[in-house]
């Protein structure tokens, strides 16, 4: 009876934890100055540990934001301009730290907590219309643990073909991690989110 009661309490606690876990969300805000710009952030991306576990198993985490300035039309809307911001995070198992790389350079992040703060940090993009009309911004984020070239390597490895381990960017990372992944039969996490601002006029 005691064991049954303990099991019930454990299951209840687990269900409560799942129910209260924060889901990742994409936040975007518009500032209508002389030159409109947007600030954005992805929140709670690392909360449930799924992407952390993938990184610590050897997979890079790719995060790509795509901002589109769209013009509102009576029949259909169209993209006027687009801009992309992306970064990749790798786990260094020797020093037990994370390495974030983006267009600015390389940033060393020593702990999980600091990584969560960094990933949730706000970014800003200026993407202004150059003609009159009614516009809005649409932001999408693609979070993944494999690039297209990495997928090609996995398929080549599965087919018994030679895998290129001499790539200068991240040599052999998928080759090493693919075996662990397939042995554990664990699916790789990915996430796509989208958000948009209210429409605004430019005259």
Protein backbone atom coordinates (compact mmCIF):
# COMPACT_ATOMS: atom_id res chain seq x y z
CA UNK A 1 0.00 0.00 0.00
CA UNK A 2 2.79 2.39 0.85
CA UNK A 3 4.52 1.66 -2.45
CA UNK A 4 1.25 2.20 -4.35
CA UNK A 5 0.67 5.48 -2.56
CA UNK A 6 4.21 6.64 -3.32
CA UNK A 7 3.77 5.74 -6.97
CA UNK A 8 0.54 7.72 -7.14
CA UNK A 9 2.21 10.76 -5.59
CA UNK A 10 5.15 10.47 -8.00
CA UNK A 11 2.86 10.20 -11.02
CA UNK A 12 0.80 13.15 -9.82
CA UNK A 13 3.94 15.27 -9.38
CA UNK A 14 5.16 14.33 -12.85
CA UNK A 15 1.81 15.22 -14.41
CA UNK A 16 1.74 18.57 -12.60
CA UNK A 17 5.27 19.31 -13.84
CA UNK A 18 4.28 18.52 -17.41
CA UNK A 19 1.09 20.57 -17.17
CA UNK A 20 2.89 23.62 -15.79
CA UNK A 21 5.91 23.49 -18.14
CA UNK A 22 6.24 26.60 -20.25
CA UNK A 23 5.95 26.07 -23.98
CA UNK A 24 8.36 27.95 -26.28
CA UNK A 25 6.86 31.13 -27.73
CA UNK A 26 7.93 33.84 -30.13
CA UNK A 27 7.54 37.47 -29.09
CA UNK A 28 7.70 40.41 -31.50
CA UNK A 29 7.11 44.14 -30.93
CA UNK A 30 6.96 47.03 -33.37
CA UNK A 31 8.37 50.49 -32.72
CA UNK A 32 6.96 53.08 -35.12
CA UNK A 33 9.63 55.77 -35.18
CA UNK A 34 10.77 57.66 -38.25
CA UNK A 35 12.37 54.35 -39.23
CA UNK A 36 10.20 51.41 -38.05
CA UNK A 37 12.02 48.54 -36.38
CA UNK A 38 11.11 45.41 -34.47
CA UNK A 39 12.42 43.72 -31.36
CA UNK A 40 11.94 40.00 -30.91
CA UNK A 41 12.85 37.07 -28.69
CA UNK A 42 12.12 33.38 -28.33
CA UNK A 43 11.04 32.48 -24.82
CA UNK A 44 11.25 29.18 -22.90
CA UNK A 45 13.11 27.39 -25.69
CA UNK A 46 15.29 25.43 -23.27
CA UNK A 47 12.81 25.01 -20.42
CA UNK A 48 11.90 21.35 -20.92
CA UNK A 49 15.50 20.26 -21.56
CA UNK A 50 14.84 18.66 -24.97
CA UNK A 51 17.25 20.85 -26.91
CA UNK A 52 19.78 20.85 -24.07
CA UNK A 53 19.84 17.03 -24.11
CA UNK A 54 20.38 17.02 -27.89
CA UNK A 55 23.27 19.49 -27.60
CA UNK A 56 24.90 17.53 -24.81
CA UNK A 57 24.60 14.39 -26.96
CA UNK A 58 26.76 16.04 -29.61
CA UNK A 59 24.30 17.84 -31.88
CA UNK A 60 24.64 21.55 -32.68
CA UNK A 61 21.56 23.68 -32.14
CA UNK A 62 20.70 25.91 -35.10
CA UNK A 63 18.35 28.85 -34.54
CA UNK A 64 17.28 30.90 -37.55
CA UNK A 65 15.00 33.95 -37.43
CA UNK A 66 13.52 35.28 -40.67
CA UNK A 67 11.85 38.69 -40.58
CA UNK A 68 9.67 39.71 -43.52
CA UNK A 69 8.30 43.19 -44.16
CA UNK A 70 4.96 42.55 -45.86
CA UNK A 71 2.65 44.94 -47.65
CA UNK A 72 -1.08 44.51 -47.10
CA UNK A 73 -3.05 44.26 -50.32
CA UNK A 74 -6.77 43.83 -50.98
CA UNK A 75 -6.32 40.43 -52.65
CA UNK A 76 -3.04 39.15 -51.29
CA UNK A 77 -0.11 40.32 -49.21
CA UNK A 78 3.44 40.31 -50.50
CA UNK A 79 6.94 40.30 -49.08
CA UNK A 80 8.72 43.60 -49.64
CA UNK A 81 11.98 42.81 -47.82
CA UNK A 82 13.34 39.93 -45.76
CA UNK A 83 16.25 39.63 -43.39
CA UNK A 84 17.67 36.61 -41.56
CA UNK A 85 19.47 36.36 -38.24
CA UNK A 86 20.89 33.00 -37.19
CA UNK A 87 23.23 31.43 -34.70
CA UNK A 88 24.47 27.97 -33.74
CA UNK A 89 25.21 26.62 -30.26
CA UNK A 90 27.55 23.73 -29.55
CA UNK A 91 28.32 21.95 -26.29
CA UNK A 92 31.96 21.52 -25.35
CA UNK A 93 32.01 18.30 -23.26
CA UNK A 94 35.66 18.69 -22.24
CA UNK A 95 35.18 22.09 -20.60
CA UNK A 96 31.45 21.52 -19.94
CA UNK A 97 30.43 24.81 -21.49
CA UNK A 98 28.45 26.08 -24.48
CA UNK A 99 29.76 27.95 -27.50
CA UNK A 100 27.45 30.29 -29.42
CA UNK A 101 28.50 31.43 -32.90
CA UNK A 102 26.77 34.14 -34.93
CA UNK A 103 27.73 36.81 -37.46
CA UNK A 104 29.39 38.85 -34.70
CA UNK A 105 31.72 36.09 -33.54
CA UNK A 106 32.02 33.43 -30.86
CA UNK A 107 30.63 33.66 -27.35
CA UNK A 108 31.47 31.29 -24.49
CA UNK A 109 28.59 30.52 -22.13
CA UNK A 110 29.61 28.55 -19.03
CA UNK A 111 26.29 27.25 -17.61
CA UNK A 112 22.83 26.09 -18.61
CA UNK A 113 21.18 28.96 -16.74
CA UNK A 114 23.26 31.59 -18.52
CA UNK A 115 22.58 29.86 -21.83
CA UNK A 116 18.82 30.09 -21.22
CA UNK A 117 19.17 33.81 -20.49
CA UNK A 118 21.25 34.33 -23.63
CA UNK A 119 18.84 32.45 -25.89
CA UNK A 120 15.90 34.46 -24.53
CA UNK A 121 17.70 37.80 -25.02
CA UNK A 122 15.97 40.41 -27.14
CA UNK A 123 17.25 41.21 -30.63
CA UNK A 124 16.46 44.12 -32.93
CA UNK A 125 16.20 44.47 -36.70
CA UNK A 126 15.55 47.62 -38.74
CA UNK A 127 13.71 46.79 -41.96
CA UNK A 128 11.88 49.90 -43.11
CA UNK A 129 9.50 50.35 -46.05
CA UNK A 130 10.64 52.73 -48.78
CA UNK A 131 7.22 53.37 -50.34
CA UNK A 132 3.80 54.38 -49.07
CA UNK A 133 1.29 51.74 -48.09
CA UNK A 134 0.04 49.53 -45.27
CA UNK A 135 2.61 47.13 -43.87
CA UNK A 136 3.27 44.62 -41.14
CA UNK A 137 6.15 42.37 -40.05
CA UNK A 138 6.01 38.60 -39.97
CA UNK A 139 8.67 36.75 -37.99
CA UNK A 140 9.37 33.04 -38.19
CA UNK A 141 11.91 30.97 -36.28
CA UNK A 142 13.27 27.58 -37.25
CA UNK A 143 15.04 25.66 -34.49
CA UNK A 144 16.74 22.43 -35.51
CA UNK A 145 19.60 20.13 -34.58
CA UNK A 146 20.65 19.21 -38.12
CA UNK A 147 21.58 21.25 -41.16
CA UNK A 148 20.76 19.95 -44.65
CA UNK A 149 24.37 18.90 -45.13
CA UNK A 150 24.25 17.04 -41.81
CA UNK A 151 21.15 15.14 -42.95
CA UNK A 152 23.06 14.09 -46.07
CA UNK A 153 25.84 12.74 -43.87
CA UNK A 154 23.42 10.73 -41.75
CA UNK A 155 21.80 9.14 -44.80
CA UNK A 156 25.22 8.37 -46.26
CA UNK A 157 26.29 6.73 -43.01
CA UNK A 158 23.09 4.68 -42.85
CA UNK A 159 23.71 3.44 -46.39
CA UNK A 160 27.25 2.41 -45.49
CA UNK A 161 28.87 5.10 -47.60
CA UNK A 162 31.94 7.07 -46.61
CA UNK A 163 31.07 10.18 -44.64
CA UNK A 164 33.03 13.36 -45.11
CA UNK A 165 34.64 13.94 -41.73
CA UNK A 166 37.00 16.63 -43.03
CA UNK A 167 34.47 19.45 -43.29
CA UNK A 168 36.21 22.56 -41.92
CA UNK A 169 33.16 23.90 -40.05
CA UNK A 170 32.28 21.09 -37.62
CA UNK A 171 34.08 17.92 -38.69
CA UNK A 172 32.49 14.64 -37.74
CA UNK A 173 29.94 15.97 -35.26
CA UNK A 174 27.03 14.09 -36.86
CA UNK A 175 29.13 11.00 -37.55
CA UNK A 176 29.86 10.66 -33.84
CA UNK A 177 26.40 11.58 -32.62
CA UNK A 178 24.37 9.56 -35.15
CA UNK A 179 25.37 6.25 -33.61
CA UNK A 180 24.32 7.35 -30.13
CA UNK A 181 21.06 8.68 -31.50
CA UNK A 182 20.13 5.52 -33.38
CA UNK A 183 21.10 3.27 -30.49
CA UNK A 184 18.86 5.27 -28.17
CA UNK A 185 16.07 5.47 -30.82
CA UNK A 186 15.62 9.10 -29.84
CA UNK A 187 14.00 11.54 -32.30
CA UNK A 188 15.82 14.80 -32.89
CA UNK A 189 13.90 17.84 -31.68
CA UNK A 190 12.89 20.69 -33.95
CA UNK A 191 10.57 23.65 -33.66
CA UNK A 192 8.93 26.19 -35.96
CA UNK A 193 7.11 29.26 -34.66
CA UNK A 194 5.63 32.35 -36.29
CA UNK A 195 4.37 35.72 -35.08
CA UNK A 196 3.38 39.04 -36.66
CA UNK A 197 2.91 42.66 -35.71
CA UNK A 198 -0.25 44.72 -36.22
CA UNK A 199 -0.45 46.55 -39.55
CA UNK A 200 0.84 50.13 -39.71
CA UNK A 201 0.54 52.80 -42.43
CA UNK A 202 3.41 54.64 -44.09
CA UNK A 203 2.44 57.83 -45.94
